[in-house]
Every structure is written in structure tokens, then in C-alpha cells.
Protein backbone atom coordinates (compact mmCIF):
# COMPACT_ATOMS: atom_id res chain seq x y z
CA MET A 1 -5.45 -18.58 4.75
CA GLY A 2 -6.11 -21.95 6.20
CA ARG A 3 -3.88 -23.54 9.05
CA THR A 4 -1.42 -26.01 8.18
CA ARG A 5 -1.67 -29.13 9.82
CA LEU A 6 0.98 -31.54 11.12
CA THR A 7 1.42 -34.85 9.43
CA LYS A 8 1.26 -38.14 11.62
CA ALA A 9 5.07 -38.13 11.81
CA GLU A 10 5.23 -34.40 12.96
CA LEU A 11 2.76 -35.33 15.89
CA GLU A 12 4.91 -38.17 17.12
CA PHE A 13 7.81 -35.72 17.02
CA ALA A 14 5.77 -33.44 19.11
CA ARG A 15 4.51 -36.08 21.37
CA SER A 16 8.09 -37.04 22.09
CA LEU A 17 9.01 -33.51 23.30
CA ALA A 18 5.76 -33.17 25.27
CA PRO A 19 6.75 -34.92 28.51
CA HIS A 20 10.25 -32.87 28.54
CA VAL A 21 8.26 -29.67 28.12
CA LEU A 22 6.13 -30.61 31.02
CA TRP A 23 8.88 -31.67 33.27
CA ALA A 24 10.73 -28.46 32.47
CA ARG A 25 7.81 -26.34 33.27
CA ARG A 26 6.54 -28.21 36.22
CA CYS A 27 9.80 -28.84 37.92
CA ASN A 28 12.66 -26.95 36.58
CA ASN A 29 11.45 -23.36 36.17
CA ASP A 30 11.01 -23.66 32.40
CA GLU A 31 14.63 -25.10 31.84
CA PRO A 32 15.32 -28.22 30.35
CA SER A 33 16.69 -31.25 31.98
CA PRO A 34 20.31 -31.19 31.83
CA HIS A 35 20.32 -34.91 31.06
CA LEU A 36 19.11 -34.27 27.48
CA THR A 37 21.44 -33.29 24.70
CA LEU A 38 22.34 -29.92 24.18
CA GLU A 39 20.16 -29.89 21.09
CA GLN A 40 17.08 -31.51 22.80
CA GLN A 41 17.53 -28.88 25.69
CA LEU A 42 17.76 -25.76 23.30
CA ALA A 43 14.65 -27.31 21.23
CA ILE A 44 12.72 -27.54 24.51
CA ALA A 45 13.55 -24.02 25.51
CA LEU A 46 12.34 -22.87 22.12
CA ILE A 47 8.99 -24.55 22.54
CA LEU A 48 8.72 -22.83 25.79
CA GLN A 49 9.80 -19.64 24.51
CA ASN A 50 12.56 -19.46 26.99
CA GLU A 51 14.75 -16.86 25.18
CA LYS A 52 17.04 -16.29 28.47
CA TYR A 53 17.95 -20.07 28.43
CA ILE A 54 18.62 -19.92 24.69
CA ASP A 55 20.59 -16.59 24.90
CA LYS A 56 22.75 -17.92 27.57
CA TRP A 57 24.32 -20.32 25.00
CA CYS A 58 24.65 -17.64 22.18
CA SER A 59 23.26 -17.61 18.82
CA SER A 60 24.90 -20.73 17.63
CA PRO A 61 23.30 -23.17 20.02
CA ALA A 62 20.04 -21.27 19.45
CA TYR A 63 20.39 -22.07 15.57
CA MET A 64 20.95 -26.03 16.64
CA ALA A 65 17.49 -25.79 18.82
CA TYR A 66 15.67 -24.27 15.78
CA ASN A 67 17.32 -27.24 13.32
CA TYR A 68 16.54 -29.71 16.02
CA VAL A 69 12.90 -28.49 15.92
CA CYS A 70 12.81 -28.39 12.30
CA LYS A 71 14.12 -32.01 11.93
CA GLY A 72 10.65 -33.16 12.90
CA ARG A 73 9.31 -31.65 9.73
CA THR A 74 8.35 -34.38 7.14
CA ARG A 75 7.49 -31.67 4.37
CA GLU A 76 8.39 -28.14 3.50
CA HIS A 77 6.10 -25.49 5.15
CA GLY A 78 6.27 -22.33 4.16
CA ASP A 79 6.55 -20.37 7.20
CA ARG A 80 8.81 -22.05 9.67
CA VAL A 81 7.76 -19.83 12.61
CA GLU A 82 4.17 -20.84 12.17
CA TRP A 83 5.35 -24.50 11.86
CA ILE A 84 7.33 -24.26 15.19
CA LYS A 85 3.70 -22.63 16.62
CA LEU A 86 2.03 -25.76 15.41
CA ILE A 87 4.74 -28.12 17.18
CA ARG A 88 4.41 -25.84 20.45
CA ASP A 89 0.61 -26.22 20.26
CA ALA A 90 0.78 -30.03 19.70
CA VAL A 91 3.19 -30.32 22.50
CA GLU A 92 0.72 -28.21 24.73
CA GLY A 93 -2.17 -30.41 23.72
CA PHE A 94 -0.36 -33.74 24.50
CA ASN A 95 0.68 -32.19 27.90
CA ARG A 96 -3.18 -31.00 28.76
CA GLU A 97 -4.14 -34.75 27.94
CA SER A 98 -1.96 -36.30 30.09
CA GLU A 99 -3.01 -34.40 33.01
């Protein structure tokens, strides 16, 4: 099965998350900035696969994080887990470019 590609809008969405993910990784032990909305914090934790951070907020905010990340979708993807992986990969790519 061919790898799904992100649309331009989806790549821009990933680009908007990239600096926050990089900051969390470099400066805050993989935890998002408390200055972001809870939805954004949880989305960044989801990108970083920081389950401990998400779990401390319980399942409802974890669902919020998932929904926030999925707001960046511009079309239906068959596998949302795969789509999140694509966003995660794009964020990592943007962060590698900025180093």
C-alpha cells in the first residue's frame, strides 16, 4: 500500500506545531509549554508520544488532543493513526531543517 501524502494545508498545520514540539523536547523534558491552550498542549504531547503527560489529564483531554491534531486534516484519511504518524514525521522534518 502506498504511503499517504499530506496536503499543503496539512503540512502548514504540522509546520505550526513544529517549533512547539522542538521547544518541549529541548527545554521542557518533552512537556508542552503551559502558555499554550490545553488543546495545543495535549496535541504536542500526542506528537511527542508523551502518554504520561496525556494520562495526567485523563481520557477526555486525550480525546481533545486527538481532535485538535485531526483539525489539521483537510481530507478524510482512512487510518487516523497513520495520519498522526505522517504529521509527527512532518513536524520532525521541519525541526531537522531548522537546526
